[in-house]
Amino acid sequence: MQAGGILMRDRVDYGREPWNDGLQKELFAHFGEPVTHPPKAGDVALIHLPDNPAPSHIGLIGELDGRLTLIHSASELNVCEHGLTDDWLSCIVARYRP
């Protein structure tokens, strides 16, 4: 975000669980209301993973060869980019547009 000219506070005072909608509240504080427009490259996606109904994951919508992708961490050491499939779209709780 900083490379794109968007200054964000670096949070270091949280654990791995987004208790009490803290993650969603933090995104709202930075970006305002979630967007309802169709996804586009640059959107920040709040995601719930299938094994956890609470939103606890963040990804960025990207674009590769004219198709939308999802860029997110696959583990503590890896970042992946893959197609934004219907399965992944169904996991997106909200999108924010910086």
Foldseek 3Di string as FASTA:
>chain_A
DVVVVQDDDDDDPDDQDCPPVVVVVRCCVRFNDFDPPPDDFQKKFFFDDPVGLDGRFIWTWHDDPRFIWTWGAPDPPRIDIDGCDPVRVVGTPTIGHD
